[in-house]
Amino acid sequence: MSTLRRRPEALLQQRGIRAKQRPCASIITEALVQKVLFNETTATGVKVITGGGAHTTEAKKEVILSCGALNTPKILELSGIGNKEILDRYRISVVVDNSNVGENLQDQLMTGRY
């Protein structure tokens, strides 16, 4: 059995450490993402809340958002990506009209760990 199968978290942690050591990458953990910021349809930054308060970070190249199956659609919708009818109802400016965002969640109640 490989180490990867027993401890996938260790691999992810190691990759996170490597990413933190790179001068061009920033990893923000334990932060509540409020919304992704856009210039037209290009993500330019993220608005977050951390223990130190509200912050806005600007991206030089790309924004990578990892908030899980439930929070990612919510943040996309708060950022203006989603069903136009729903976004209009909550007075959120539409960046991308995509009716698939936030729909079709299929929860896997029985999952195994290898």
N, C-alpha and C. Protein backbone atom coordinates (compact mmCIF):
# COMPACT_ATOMS: atom_id res chain seq x y z
N MET A 1 0.85 -1.18 0.00
CA MET A 1 0.00 0.00 0.00
C MET A 1 0.89 1.24 0.00
N SER A 2 0.58 2.19 -0.84
CA SER A 2 1.39 3.40 -0.92
C SER A 2 1.02 4.37 0.20
N THR A 3 1.94 5.26 0.50
CA THR A 3 1.69 6.28 1.51
C THR A 3 0.54 7.18 1.09
N LEU A 4 0.43 7.41 -0.21
CA LEU A 4 -0.64 8.27 -0.72
C LEU A 4 -2.01 7.71 -0.39
N ARG A 5 -2.17 6.40 -0.47
CA ARG A 5 -3.48 5.81 -0.16
C ARG A 5 -3.79 5.88 1.33
N ARG A 6 -2.79 5.78 2.17
CA ARG A 6 -3.04 5.81 3.61
C ARG A 6 -3.23 7.22 4.14
N ARG A 7 -2.46 8.16 3.63
CA ARG A 7 -2.51 9.50 4.17
C ARG A 7 -2.54 10.56 3.08
N PRO A 8 -3.65 10.73 2.40
CA PRO A 8 -3.68 11.77 1.37
C PRO A 8 -3.50 13.16 1.96
N GLU A 9 -3.87 13.34 3.23
CA GLU A 9 -3.72 14.65 3.87
C GLU A 9 -2.25 15.06 3.93
N ALA A 10 -1.36 14.07 4.15
CA ALA A 10 0.07 14.37 4.24
C ALA A 10 0.58 14.93 2.92
N LEU A 11 0.13 14.37 1.81
CA LEU A 11 0.54 14.86 0.51
C LEU A 11 0.03 16.28 0.29
N LEU A 12 -1.23 16.51 0.63
CA LEU A 12 -1.79 17.85 0.47
C LEU A 12 -1.07 18.86 1.36
N GLN A 13 -0.75 18.45 2.57
CA GLN A 13 -0.03 19.34 3.48
C GLN A 13 1.34 19.67 2.90
N GLN A 14 2.04 18.67 2.39
CA GLN A 14 3.36 18.90 1.80
C GLN A 14 3.26 19.85 0.62
N ARG A 15 2.26 19.66 -0.23
CA ARG A 15 2.09 20.57 -1.37
C ARG A 15 1.77 21.98 -0.90
N GLY A 16 0.99 22.09 0.17
CA GLY A 16 0.68 23.40 0.72
C GLY A 16 1.92 24.09 1.24
N ILE A 17 2.81 23.34 1.89
CA ILE A 17 4.06 23.91 2.38
C ILE A 17 4.91 24.39 1.22
N ARG A 18 5.00 23.57 0.17
CA ARG A 18 5.76 23.99 -1.02
C ARG A 18 5.17 25.25 -1.64
N ALA A 19 3.86 25.32 -1.71
CA ALA A 19 3.22 26.51 -2.30
C ALA A 19 3.49 27.74 -1.45
N LYS A 20 3.48 27.59 -0.12
CA LYS A 20 3.75 28.74 0.75
C LYS A 20 5.17 29.26 0.58
N GLN A 21 6.10 28.39 0.20
CA GLN A 21 7.49 28.79 0.03
C GLN A 21 7.73 29.51 -1.29
N ARG A 22 6.78 29.46 -2.19
CA ARG A 22 6.94 30.13 -3.48
C ARG A 22 6.59 31.60 -3.33
N PRO A 23 7.43 32.49 -3.84
CA PRO A 23 7.18 33.92 -3.68
C PRO A 23 5.96 34.42 -4.45
N CYS A 24 5.53 33.67 -5.47
CA CYS A 24 4.42 34.13 -6.30
C CYS A 24 3.07 33.60 -5.83
N ALA A 25 3.03 32.80 -4.75
CA ALA A 25 1.78 32.20 -4.31
C ALA A 25 1.44 32.65 -2.89
N SER A 26 0.16 32.90 -2.66
CA SER A 26 -0.34 33.22 -1.33
C SER A 26 -1.45 32.25 -1.00
N ILE A 27 -1.37 31.64 0.18
CA ILE A 27 -2.43 30.74 0.63
C ILE A 27 -3.02 31.36 1.89
N ILE A 28 -4.32 31.57 1.86
CA ILE A 28 -5.01 32.14 3.02
C ILE A 28 -5.88 31.04 3.60
N THR A 29 -5.63 30.68 4.85
CA THR A 29 -6.42 29.65 5.52
C THR A 29 -7.22 30.28 6.64
N GLU A 30 -8.20 29.56 7.13
CA GLU A 30 -9.06 30.02 8.22
C GLU A 30 -9.62 31.41 7.92
N ALA A 31 -10.11 31.56 6.70
CA ALA A 31 -10.70 32.82 6.27
C ALA A 31 -12.09 32.54 5.71
N LEU A 32 -13.00 33.44 5.96
CA LEU A 32 -14.35 33.34 5.42
C LEU A 32 -14.41 34.20 4.16
N VAL A 33 -14.60 33.56 3.03
CA VAL A 33 -14.66 34.29 1.76
C VAL A 33 -16.03 34.93 1.63
N GLN A 34 -16.05 36.23 1.41
CA GLN A 34 -17.31 36.93 1.19
C GLN A 34 -17.70 36.93 -0.28
N LYS A 35 -16.72 37.18 -1.14
CA LYS A 35 -17.01 37.20 -2.57
C LYS A 35 -15.71 37.26 -3.35
N VAL A 36 -15.80 36.84 -4.60
CA VAL A 36 -14.70 36.98 -5.55
C VAL A 36 -14.91 38.30 -6.28
N LEU A 37 -13.85 39.05 -6.47
CA LEU A 37 -13.93 40.34 -7.14
C LEU A 37 -13.59 40.17 -8.62
N PHE A 38 -14.28 40.91 -9.46
CA PHE A 38 -14.12 40.76 -10.91
C PHE A 38 -13.87 42.10 -11.58
N ASN A 39 -13.12 42.04 -12.68
CA ASN A 39 -13.02 43.13 -13.64
C ASN A 39 -13.65 42.55 -14.90
N GLU A 40 -14.87 42.93 -15.18
CA GLU A 40 -15.71 42.31 -16.20
C GLU A 40 -15.89 40.84 -15.85
N THR A 41 -15.32 39.90 -16.62
CA THR A 41 -15.49 38.48 -16.29
C THR A 41 -14.19 37.83 -15.82
N THR A 42 -13.19 38.63 -15.48
CA THR A 42 -11.91 38.11 -15.00
C THR A 42 -11.81 38.31 -13.49
N ALA A 43 -11.56 37.21 -12.76
CA ALA A 43 -11.40 37.30 -11.31
C ALA A 43 -10.11 38.06 -11.01
N THR A 44 -10.22 39.09 -10.17
CA THR A 44 -9.06 39.93 -9.86
C THR A 44 -8.66 39.87 -8.40
N GLY A 45 -9.49 39.28 -7.55
CA GLY A 45 -9.17 39.22 -6.14
C GLY A 45 -10.28 38.57 -5.35
N VAL A 46 -10.11 38.60 -4.03
CA VAL A 46 -11.08 37.98 -3.13
C VAL A 46 -11.26 38.87 -1.91
N LYS A 47 -12.49 39.00 -1.47
CA LYS A 47 -12.81 39.73 -0.25
C LYS A 47 -13.02 38.68 0.84
N VAL A 48 -12.23 38.74 1.94
CA VAL A 48 -12.28 37.73 2.99
C VAL A 48 -12.38 38.37 4.37
N ILE A 49 -12.83 37.56 5.32
CA ILE A 49 -12.81 37.95 6.74
C ILE A 49 -11.93 36.94 7.46
N THR A 50 -10.95 37.45 8.19
CA THR A 50 -10.08 36.60 9.00
C THR A 50 -10.20 37.06 10.45
N GLY A 51 -9.41 36.47 11.32
CA GLY A 51 -9.43 36.88 12.72
C GLY A 51 -9.06 38.34 12.91
N GLY A 52 -8.34 38.90 11.95
CA GLY A 52 -7.93 40.30 12.02
C GLY A 52 -8.90 41.26 11.37
N GLY A 53 -10.01 40.78 10.86
CA GLY A 53 -11.00 41.64 10.24
C GLY A 53 -11.16 41.38 8.75
N ALA A 54 -11.78 42.33 8.07
CA ALA A 54 -12.05 42.20 6.63
C ALA A 54 -10.83 42.62 5.82
N HIS A 55 -10.54 41.87 4.76
CA HIS A 55 -9.40 42.15 3.90
C HIS A 55 -9.81 41.94 2.45
N THR A 56 -9.16 42.66 1.57
CA THR A 56 -9.30 42.44 0.14
C THR A 56 -7.94 42.08 -0.41
N THR A 57 -7.85 40.95 -1.09
CA THR A 57 -6.59 40.54 -1.70
C THR A 57 -6.74 40.65 -3.21
N GLU A 58 -5.68 41.09 -3.85
CA GLU A 58 -5.69 41.22 -5.30
C GLU A 58 -4.77 40.18 -5.91
N ALA A 59 -5.20 39.56 -6.98
CA ALA A 59 -4.41 38.54 -7.66
C ALA A 59 -3.59 39.17 -8.78
N LYS A 60 -2.36 38.70 -8.92
CA LYS A 60 -1.54 39.15 -10.04
C LYS A 60 -1.77 38.28 -11.27
N LYS A 61 -2.08 36.99 -11.03
CA LYS A 61 -2.23 36.08 -12.17
C LYS A 61 -3.57 35.34 -12.15
N GLU A 62 -3.89 34.65 -11.05
CA GLU A 62 -5.12 33.87 -11.01
C GLU A 62 -5.64 33.75 -9.59
N VAL A 63 -6.93 33.44 -9.48
CA VAL A 63 -7.58 33.20 -8.20
C VAL A 63 -8.01 31.74 -8.18
N ILE A 64 -7.60 31.02 -7.14
CA ILE A 64 -8.03 29.63 -6.97
C ILE A 64 -8.86 29.59 -5.69
N LEU A 65 -10.10 29.19 -5.82
CA LEU A 65 -11.03 29.17 -4.70
C LEU A 65 -11.38 27.73 -4.37
N SER A 66 -11.21 27.34 -3.12
CA SER A 66 -11.53 25.97 -2.69
C SER A 66 -12.35 26.05 -1.42
N CYS A 67 -13.67 25.98 -1.57
CA CYS A 67 -14.56 26.16 -0.42
C CYS A 67 -15.51 24.99 -0.21
N GLY A 68 -15.32 23.91 -0.90
CA GLY A 68 -16.17 22.74 -0.71
C GLY A 68 -17.41 22.75 -1.58
N ALA A 69 -18.13 21.64 -1.52
CA ALA A 69 -19.30 21.44 -2.38
C ALA A 69 -20.45 22.37 -2.04
N LEU A 70 -20.56 22.78 -0.79
CA LEU A 70 -21.68 23.63 -0.39
C LEU A 70 -21.32 25.11 -0.48
N ASN A 71 -20.14 25.48 -0.02
CA ASN A 71 -19.80 26.90 0.02
C ASN A 71 -19.34 27.48 -1.32
N THR A 72 -18.74 26.68 -2.18
CA THR A 72 -18.29 27.22 -3.46
C THR A 72 -19.45 27.78 -4.28
N PRO A 73 -20.57 27.06 -4.47
CA PRO A 73 -21.69 27.67 -5.21
C PRO A 73 -22.24 28.93 -4.53
N LYS A 74 -22.28 28.92 -3.22
CA LYS A 74 -22.78 30.09 -2.49
C LYS A 74 -21.89 31.30 -2.77
N ILE A 75 -20.59 31.11 -2.71
CA ILE A 75 -19.67 32.22 -2.95
C ILE A 75 -19.72 32.67 -4.40
N LEU A 76 -19.84 31.72 -5.32
CA LEU A 76 -19.98 32.10 -6.73
C LEU A 76 -21.22 32.97 -6.93
N GLU A 77 -22.33 32.57 -6.32
CA GLU A 77 -23.57 33.36 -6.46
C GLU A 77 -23.42 34.73 -5.81
N LEU A 78 -22.82 34.80 -4.63
CA LEU A 78 -22.60 36.10 -3.99
C LEU A 78 -21.67 36.99 -4.81
N SER A 79 -20.86 36.36 -5.65
CA SER A 79 -19.91 37.09 -6.49
C SER A 79 -20.50 37.47 -7.84
N GLY A 80 -21.70 36.99 -8.15
CA GLY A 80 -22.36 37.36 -9.40
C GLY A 80 -22.33 36.29 -10.47
N ILE A 81 -21.97 35.07 -10.10
CA ILE A 81 -21.97 33.96 -11.05
C ILE A 81 -23.09 33.01 -10.65
N GLY A 82 -24.09 32.87 -11.51
CA GLY A 82 -25.21 31.99 -11.19
C GLY A 82 -26.41 32.30 -12.05
N ASN A 83 -27.56 31.82 -11.60
CA ASN A 83 -28.82 32.01 -12.30
C ASN A 83 -29.23 33.48 -12.21
N LYS A 84 -29.37 34.14 -13.35
CA LYS A 84 -29.68 35.57 -13.39
C LYS A 84 -30.94 35.91 -12.61
N GLU A 85 -31.96 35.06 -12.69
CA GLU A 85 -33.22 35.33 -11.99
C GLU A 85 -33.00 35.38 -10.47
N ILE A 86 -32.22 34.46 -9.96
CA ILE A 86 -31.94 34.43 -8.52
C ILE A 86 -31.07 35.61 -8.12
N LEU A 87 -30.04 35.90 -8.90
CA LEU A 87 -29.14 37.01 -8.58
C LEU A 87 -29.90 38.34 -8.61
N ASP A 88 -30.77 38.52 -9.60
CA ASP A 88 -31.57 39.75 -9.68
C ASP A 88 -32.48 39.90 -8.47
N ARG A 89 -33.06 38.80 -8.02
CA ARG A 89 -33.96 38.82 -6.86
C ARG A 89 -33.25 39.38 -5.62
N TYR A 90 -31.96 39.09 -5.49
CA TYR A 90 -31.19 39.55 -4.32
C TYR A 90 -30.32 40.76 -4.63
N ARG A 91 -30.57 41.37 -5.79
CA ARG A 91 -29.87 42.59 -6.21
C ARG A 91 -28.35 42.40 -6.27
N ILE A 92 -27.94 41.25 -6.78
CA ILE A 92 -26.52 40.96 -6.98
C ILE A 92 -26.22 41.19 -8.46
N SER A 93 -25.20 42.00 -8.74
CA SER A 93 -24.82 42.27 -10.13
C SER A 93 -24.36 40.99 -10.81
N VAL A 94 -24.91 40.73 -11.98
CA VAL A 94 -24.60 39.49 -12.71
C VAL A 94 -23.29 39.66 -13.47
N VAL A 95 -22.33 38.77 -13.18
CA VAL A 95 -21.07 38.72 -13.92
C VAL A 95 -21.18 37.67 -15.01
N VAL A 96 -21.68 36.48 -14.64
CA VAL A 96 -21.89 35.38 -15.58
C VAL A 96 -23.23 34.74 -15.27
N ASP A 97 -24.11 34.68 -16.26
CA ASP A 97 -25.41 34.01 -16.10
C ASP A 97 -25.21 32.52 -16.37
N ASN A 98 -25.24 31.72 -15.31
CA ASN A 98 -25.07 30.27 -15.43
C ASN A 98 -26.07 29.61 -14.50
N SER A 99 -27.13 29.06 -15.07
CA SER A 99 -28.20 28.48 -14.25
C SER A 99 -27.81 27.18 -13.57
N ASN A 100 -26.64 26.62 -13.87
CA ASN A 100 -26.20 25.38 -13.24
C ASN A 100 -25.56 25.59 -11.87
N VAL A 101 -25.10 26.79 -11.58
CA VAL A 101 -24.43 27.05 -10.31
C VAL A 101 -25.43 26.90 -9.17
N GLY A 102 -25.08 26.11 -8.19
CA GLY A 102 -25.94 25.91 -7.02
C GLY A 102 -27.04 24.90 -7.21
N GLU A 103 -27.06 24.21 -8.33
CA GLU A 103 -28.10 23.22 -8.62
C GLU A 103 -27.48 21.83 -8.71
N ASN A 104 -28.33 20.83 -8.62
CA ASN A 104 -27.94 19.43 -8.87
C ASN A 104 -26.95 18.84 -7.87
N LEU A 105 -26.95 19.30 -6.63
CA LEU A 105 -26.09 18.69 -5.62
C LEU A 105 -26.58 17.27 -5.36
N GLN A 106 -25.68 16.32 -5.43
CA GLN A 106 -26.00 14.93 -5.12
C GLN A 106 -25.09 14.51 -3.98
N ASP A 107 -25.62 14.53 -2.77
CA ASP A 107 -24.83 14.19 -1.60
C ASP A 107 -24.55 12.70 -1.56
N GLN A 108 -23.35 12.34 -1.23
CA GLN A 108 -22.95 10.94 -1.11
C GLN A 108 -22.95 10.57 0.37
N LEU A 109 -24.06 10.05 0.85
CA LEU A 109 -24.19 9.74 2.27
C LEU A 109 -23.32 8.58 2.70
N MET A 110 -23.05 7.66 1.81
CA MET A 110 -22.23 6.50 2.15
C MET A 110 -20.93 6.56 1.36
N THR A 111 -19.89 7.04 1.98
CA THR A 111 -18.59 7.07 1.33
C THR A 111 -17.59 6.33 2.19
N GLY A 112 -16.67 5.69 1.56
CA GLY A 112 -15.63 4.97 2.29
C GLY A 112 -14.32 5.71 2.23
N ARG A 113 -13.46 5.37 3.14
CA ARG A 113 -12.13 5.96 3.16
C ARG A 113 -11.13 4.85 2.92
N TYR A 114 -10.26 5.07 1.98
CA TYR A 114 -9.29 4.04 1.62
C TYR A 114 -7.98 4.27 2.33
